[in-house]
Each structure stands twice: as C-alpha cells, then as structure tokens.
Amino acid sequence: MPFYYYVFLLMLLCVIITSIVSIILWRKNVPVELFIKALRNENKGRFEEAILIYENALMEFKNIRFHNDLKNKIIQKIKLLHTLIEYQKSSVFIR
C-alpha cells in the first residue's frame, strides 16, 4: 500500500475522532446548563444560590476549554452579584 493511503487514513481517523468529541461536548454542555439555572435563580432574586451555581459552572470550565466568552460573562456576573449583595446588606443597616 502506498504511503499516501496511510496519510489519507490518518486524516480520516482524525476527522472522525474530532467529530465524535465535538458531538459529545455539544450534548453534554454542563457549564451552559448551569449558567441557565443560575440566571433563573438570579431573576427570582436568589442571589446567593446564583453565585454558588455560577462558581460551579466556572469549575466545569476547567474540564472544557471552550466558551471563553461565556466564562468571562460568568466572572463578571459573580462580581456584580457580590456587589449587589453587599449593597443590600449595607442598606439594611441604614434603615
């Protein structure tokens, strides 16, 4: 068998493996599901629960290296929620 057949088979194998991995990651996208769950808690006013779920989503990003924009958005939301909780705590002392 000529050498270029081996190259072709290697390329075909790489394409198959890449597509299988992308399908698995697409179906099992845990950080996005956690982000949606945290958004629901944030909209309901449960800020502490939302922060915990956002932090769990950030931990899941260590396993998956994709979605850097979503990762940055989660970091910004955590900062915002911490600020909002501190503001609510300080407003209780004023009343």
Protein backbone atom coordinates (compact mmCIF):
# COMPACT_ATOMS: atom_id res chain seq x y z
CA MET A 1 0.00 0.00 0.00
CA PRO A 2 1.46 3.39 -0.94
CA PHE A 3 2.36 5.96 1.69
CA TYR A 4 -0.36 8.46 0.75
CA TYR A 5 -3.03 5.89 1.62
CA TYR A 6 -1.75 5.89 5.18
CA VAL A 7 -1.82 9.69 5.25
CA PHE A 8 -5.39 9.66 3.95
CA LEU A 9 -6.45 7.09 6.55
CA LEU A 10 -4.79 9.09 9.32
CA MET A 11 -6.58 12.27 8.24
CA LEU A 12 -9.90 10.41 8.04
CA LEU A 13 -9.37 8.99 11.51
CA CYS A 14 -8.60 12.47 12.90
CA VAL A 15 -11.79 13.88 11.36
CA ILE A 16 -13.88 11.07 12.80
CA ILE A 17 -12.40 11.44 16.29
CA THR A 18 -12.82 15.22 16.22
CA SER A 19 -16.46 14.97 15.19
CA ILE A 20 -17.23 12.38 17.86
CA VAL A 21 -15.64 14.53 20.58
CA SER A 22 -17.50 17.65 19.41
CA ILE A 23 -20.82 15.80 19.41
CA ILE A 24 -20.21 14.52 22.94
CA LEU A 25 -19.27 18.01 24.17
CA TRP A 26 -22.24 19.54 22.38
CA ARG A 27 -24.70 17.17 24.01
CA LYS A 28 -23.08 17.28 27.44
CA ASN A 29 -22.59 21.01 27.87
CA VAL A 30 -22.75 21.24 31.65
CA PRO A 31 -21.46 24.83 32.10
CA VAL A 32 -24.15 26.25 29.81
CA GLU A 33 -26.86 24.35 31.68
CA LEU A 34 -25.51 25.64 34.99
CA PHE A 35 -25.40 29.18 33.57
CA ILE A 36 -29.07 28.97 32.60
CA LYS A 37 -30.00 27.59 36.02
CA ALA A 38 -28.08 30.41 37.74
CA LEU A 39 -29.80 33.01 35.55
CA ARG A 40 -33.17 31.69 36.66
CA ASN A 41 -32.14 31.96 40.31
CA GLU A 42 -30.78 35.45 39.71
CA ASN A 43 -34.06 36.56 38.10
CA LYS A 44 -36.01 35.16 41.06
CA GLY A 45 -33.87 37.16 43.48
CA ARG A 46 -31.94 34.24 44.96
CA PHE A 47 -28.53 35.81 44.59
CA GLU A 48 -26.60 33.54 46.94
CA GLU A 49 -27.79 30.41 45.13
CA ALA A 50 -26.98 32.02 41.79
CA ILE A 51 -23.42 32.76 42.93
CA LEU A 52 -22.92 29.15 44.01
CA ILE A 53 -24.18 27.83 40.69
CA TYR A 54 -22.05 30.32 38.73
CA GLU A 55 -18.99 29.16 40.68
CA ASN A 56 -19.87 25.53 39.90
CA ALA A 57 -20.08 26.45 36.22
CA LEU A 58 -16.61 28.02 36.44
CA MET A 59 -15.28 24.79 37.94
CA GLU A 60 -16.74 22.88 34.99
CA PHE A 61 -14.86 25.17 32.60
CA LYS A 62 -11.62 23.62 33.84
CA ASN A 63 -12.66 20.36 32.16
CA ILE A 64 -13.83 22.02 28.94
CA ARG A 65 -11.60 24.65 27.34
CA PHE A 66 -14.30 26.16 25.10
CA HIS A 67 -16.67 29.10 25.59
CA ASN A 68 -14.20 31.72 26.80
CA ASP A 69 -16.80 34.46 26.24
CA LEU A 70 -19.27 32.70 28.49
CA LYS A 71 -16.57 32.18 31.09
CA ASN A 72 -15.81 35.91 31.13
CA LYS A 73 -19.52 36.69 31.35
CA ILE A 74 -19.89 34.39 34.37
CA ILE A 75 -16.92 36.06 36.11
CA GLN A 76 -18.50 39.48 35.56
CA LYS A 77 -21.87 38.27 36.86
CA ILE A 78 -20.25 36.88 40.02
CA LYS A 79 -18.59 40.24 40.67
CA LEU A 80 -21.89 42.04 40.07
CA LEU A 81 -23.83 39.73 42.38
CA HIS A 82 -21.26 40.12 45.16
CA THR A 83 -21.57 43.89 44.81
CA LEU A 84 -25.37 43.67 44.82
CA ILE A 85 -25.40 41.50 47.96
CA GLU A 86 -23.03 43.92 49.75
CA TYR A 87 -25.27 46.82 48.75
CA GLN A 88 -28.34 45.04 50.10
CA LYS A 89 -26.56 44.27 53.38
CA SER A 90 -25.45 47.88 53.78
CA SER A 91 -28.95 49.18 53.05
CA VAL A 92 -30.31 47.03 55.90
CA PHE A 93 -28.03 48.83 58.35
CA ILE A 94 -29.18 52.24 57.14
CA ARG A 95 -32.86 51.52 57.81
